[in-house]
Structure formats: structure tokens, C-alpha cells
Amino acid sequence: MHIFKKEVINEFLIVHTELIIYSSICFFLPFFLHQSQFITGTIVNAALVLSALRLKTNKLLPIIVMPSLGVLMAGLLFNTLTTYLLYLIPFIWVSNALLVYFIKRINMKLVSLPVATTIKAGFLFSATVILVKLTLIPSQFLIAMGPIQLLTALSGGTIALGINKIIN
């Protein structure tokens, strides 16, 4: 009984430590790398994919919402925030949720990454196109929320698969 209790406590600590690490990376990274969407996006997507691979679904919400909240707060602190980001945040949350959902649900890792990243970027790009057509955000967001999202999600996901393989 004592060994079982110790294993449960160890598992709890490991899971919650990973949750804190991934959430912290997603939230705080924009404060330090706010000029580089490619580097920030790649690292954040790596954290999203790692969390999808390593944590249970009920632990993923903080990691899904933290990146855009970090960008929002970093923008407020550095006076670089545009009000347009507020229109995109709900769509960013959904796109992050789609990424982790499809990574978790498609068991073949070599297939799940391109499928999940394409769905994420496609959804976010489609939402951005609609917001641009409604003249709620400028067209400059199309590149950032389309091709760059796909590239950073694929890059981050590839890194995450490598890290996960090393951890396991």
C-alpha cells in the first residue's frame, strides 16, 4: 500500500510540474521574445503539442489559453498591443484547442502532426479572412495567422515529438 501511495504522489507531482512548466512557457515567453513570432510561435506550439502528448485532456485548458493572454499582457506592458488582437483571441483559443485535440485523438504521430497543424492553421486563417472581410482587423494579419501559424505549429510539433521521444 505504501509503494502505491508513493507512486500516486510521484505521478501527481510529475503531471502538475509539467502543467506548470508548459503553462509558464506559454504565458511568459511573449514577454521575452515579443519581437519574434517565429521563435515564440515555435516554442509555444512545442509546449502545446508536448502537453497534448503528456497530459490528460482535463489539464490542457491553461496551456490552450495562456499563449494569447501572455501576448496580450506583453503588448500592454510594452505598448505594442493593437486592439485587433482582442478580436482574434477567441479564435486563437479554438485553434490551440483543435491542435491539442487532434494530436491526442490521432494515434499515429507522423500523421497527427501535419493533420492537427493544418486544421489549426486553417481554422485560424479562415477566421482571420472573415474578420478582414468584415473590416474588423487589417489584412496584415493574414500572413501571421495563416502560413506563419502553419510553419510554427509544424516546427514546434516536430521539436515536441523529439523531446517526447527523449523523455520517454
Protein backbone atom coordinates (compact mmCIF):
# COMPACT_ATOMS: atom_id res chain seq x y z
CA MET A 1 0.00 0.00 0.00
CA HIS A 2 2.83 2.39 0.86
CA ILE A 3 4.51 1.90 -2.56
CA PHE A 4 1.22 2.54 -4.36
CA LYS A 5 0.70 5.78 -2.41
CA LYS A 6 4.24 6.92 -3.25
CA GLU A 7 3.67 6.19 -6.98
CA VAL A 8 0.42 8.18 -6.96
CA ILE A 9 2.12 11.13 -5.27
CA ASN A 10 5.03 10.98 -7.73
CA GLU A 11 2.66 10.86 -10.70
CA PHE A 12 0.70 13.83 -9.30
CA LEU A 13 3.91 15.84 -8.88
CA ILE A 14 5.18 14.98 -12.36
CA VAL A 15 1.90 15.88 -14.06
CA HIS A 16 1.46 19.16 -12.21
CA THR A 17 5.10 20.13 -12.65
CA GLU A 18 4.75 19.62 -16.40
CA LEU A 19 1.48 21.57 -16.38
CA ILE A 20 3.17 24.49 -14.61
CA ILE A 21 6.18 24.39 -16.93
CA TYR A 22 4.12 24.31 -20.15
CA SER A 23 1.69 26.98 -18.89
CA SER A 24 4.55 29.23 -17.77
CA ILE A 25 6.34 28.89 -21.11
CA CYS A 26 3.13 29.71 -22.97
CA PHE A 27 2.36 32.75 -20.81
CA PHE A 28 5.78 34.29 -20.16
CA LEU A 29 7.58 33.66 -23.44
CA PRO A 30 5.94 36.65 -25.21
CA PHE A 31 7.44 38.94 -22.55
CA PHE A 32 10.95 37.91 -23.58
CA LEU A 33 10.62 37.15 -27.29
CA HIS A 34 7.86 39.55 -28.28
CA GLN A 35 9.64 40.62 -31.48
CA SER A 36 9.95 37.15 -32.98
CA GLN A 37 6.68 35.48 -33.93
CA PHE A 38 8.54 32.55 -35.48
CA ILE A 39 10.62 31.68 -32.40
CA THR A 40 7.82 32.40 -29.92
CA GLY A 41 5.26 30.52 -32.00
CA THR A 42 7.53 27.53 -32.46
CA ILE A 43 8.24 27.23 -28.72
CA VAL A 44 4.60 27.78 -27.76
CA ASN A 45 3.44 25.17 -30.27
CA ALA A 46 6.07 22.76 -28.93
CA ALA A 47 4.59 23.27 -25.45
CA LEU A 48 1.07 22.75 -26.80
CA VAL A 49 2.00 19.51 -28.56
CA LEU A 50 4.03 18.22 -25.60
CA SER A 51 1.12 18.92 -23.28
CA ALA A 52 -1.23 17.09 -25.65
CA LEU A 53 1.10 14.10 -25.70
CA ARG A 54 1.88 14.01 -21.99
CA LEU A 55 -1.13 15.37 -20.08
CA LYS A 56 -4.75 14.33 -19.71
CA THR A 57 -7.34 16.39 -21.54
CA ASN A 58 -8.70 17.95 -18.33
CA LYS A 59 -5.29 19.58 -17.70
CA LEU A 60 -4.97 21.31 -21.08
CA LEU A 61 -7.14 24.42 -20.73
CA PRO A 62 -4.46 26.64 -19.12
CA ILE A 63 -1.99 25.74 -21.85
CA ILE A 64 -4.58 26.47 -24.56
CA VAL A 65 -5.39 29.99 -23.29
CA MET A 66 -2.05 31.12 -21.83
CA PRO A 67 -0.22 32.00 -25.08
CA SER A 68 -2.69 34.65 -26.22
CA LEU A 69 -3.06 36.02 -22.68
CA GLY A 70 0.72 36.32 -22.49
CA VAL A 71 0.82 38.14 -25.82
CA LEU A 72 -1.98 40.43 -24.65
CA MET A 73 -0.23 41.25 -21.37
CA ALA A 74 3.17 41.69 -23.05
CA GLY A 75 1.55 44.06 -25.52
CA LEU A 76 0.01 46.08 -22.72
CA LEU A 77 3.33 46.31 -20.90
CA PHE A 78 5.36 47.19 -23.99
CA ASN A 79 2.76 49.46 -25.61
CA THR A 80 2.74 47.35 -28.75
CA LEU A 81 -0.70 45.86 -28.34
CA THR A 82 -3.20 46.62 -31.02
CA THR A 83 -6.87 46.34 -30.27
CA TYR A 84 -7.12 43.91 -33.16
CA LEU A 85 -5.67 41.10 -31.07
CA LEU A 86 -8.80 41.18 -28.94
CA TYR A 87 -10.84 40.10 -31.97
CA LEU A 88 -8.51 37.17 -32.61
CA ILE A 89 -8.09 35.76 -29.09
CA PRO A 90 -11.20 33.52 -29.09
CA PHE A 91 -10.15 32.11 -32.46
CA ILE A 92 -6.60 31.54 -31.23
CA TRP A 93 -8.01 29.61 -28.25
CA VAL A 94 -10.12 27.44 -30.54
CA SER A 95 -7.19 26.85 -32.91
CA ASN A 96 -4.96 25.80 -29.98
CA ALA A 97 -7.73 23.51 -28.73
CA LEU A 98 -8.03 21.97 -32.20
CA LEU A 99 -4.28 21.36 -32.29
CA VAL A 100 -4.15 19.54 -28.95
CA TYR A 101 -7.41 17.69 -29.64
CA PHE A 102 -6.20 16.23 -32.93
CA ILE A 103 -2.75 15.44 -31.55
CA LYS A 104 -4.45 13.47 -28.74
CA ARG A 105 -7.05 11.77 -30.95
CA ILE A 106 -4.96 10.64 -33.90
CA ASN A 107 -2.68 7.92 -32.60
CA MET A 108 -0.22 7.80 -35.47
CA LYS A 109 2.21 10.60 -34.54
CA LEU A 110 3.63 11.03 -38.03
CA VAL A 111 0.12 11.59 -39.35
CA SER A 112 -1.32 13.50 -36.39
CA LEU A 113 1.16 16.38 -36.55
CA PRO A 114 0.54 17.50 -40.16
CA VAL A 115 -3.22 16.92 -39.81
CA ALA A 116 -3.50 18.77 -36.49
CA THR A 117 -1.31 21.69 -37.57
CA THR A 118 -3.18 22.07 -40.85
CA ILE A 119 -6.52 22.11 -39.04
CA LYS A 120 -5.20 24.65 -36.51
CA ALA A 121 -3.74 26.99 -39.12
CA GLY A 122 -6.67 26.53 -41.50
CA PHE A 123 -9.20 27.41 -38.82
CA LEU A 124 -7.26 30.46 -37.64
CA PHE A 125 -6.62 31.65 -41.18
CA SER A 126 -10.31 31.24 -42.10
CA ALA A 127 -11.39 33.22 -39.05
CA THR A 128 -8.85 35.91 -39.92
CA VAL A 129 -10.10 36.12 -43.52
CA ILE A 130 -13.64 36.63 -42.24
CA LEU A 131 -12.52 39.32 -39.76
CA VAL A 132 -10.55 41.08 -42.52
CA LYS A 133 -13.55 40.95 -44.89
CA LEU A 134 -15.70 42.42 -42.11
CA THR A 135 -13.02 45.14 -41.80
CA LEU A 136 -12.55 44.35 -38.11
CA ILE A 137 -8.81 43.70 -38.48
CA PRO A 138 -6.24 44.76 -41.10
CA SER A 139 -5.15 42.40 -43.87
CA GLN A 140 -1.59 42.26 -42.45
CA PHE A 141 -2.88 39.62 -40.02
CA LEU A 142 -3.47 37.16 -42.87
CA ILE A 143 0.19 36.13 -43.13
CA ALA A 144 0.68 35.96 -39.36
CA MET A 145 -2.47 33.90 -38.78
CA GLY A 146 -2.10 31.62 -41.80
CA PRO A 147 1.22 30.49 -43.25
CA ILE A 148 3.28 31.55 -40.21
CA GLN A 149 0.90 29.66 -37.90
CA LEU A 150 1.27 26.54 -40.03
CA LEU A 151 5.06 26.84 -40.09
CA THR A 152 5.41 27.47 -36.34
CA ALA A 153 2.96 24.68 -35.48
CA LEU A 154 4.83 22.19 -37.69
CA SER A 155 8.21 23.33 -36.35
CA GLY A 156 7.10 23.30 -32.72
CA GLY A 157 5.32 19.99 -33.15
CA THR A 158 8.40 18.38 -34.67
CA ILE A 159 10.52 19.62 -31.76
CA ALA A 160 7.88 18.35 -29.30
CA LEU A 161 7.87 14.88 -30.86
CA GLY A 162 11.65 14.75 -30.48
CA ILE A 163 11.53 15.95 -26.86
CA ASN A 164 8.76 13.50 -26.05
CA LYS A 165 10.79 10.65 -27.52
CA ILE A 166 13.78 11.63 -25.36
CA ILE A 167 11.63 11.92 -22.22
CA ASN A 168 10.05 8.53 -22.81
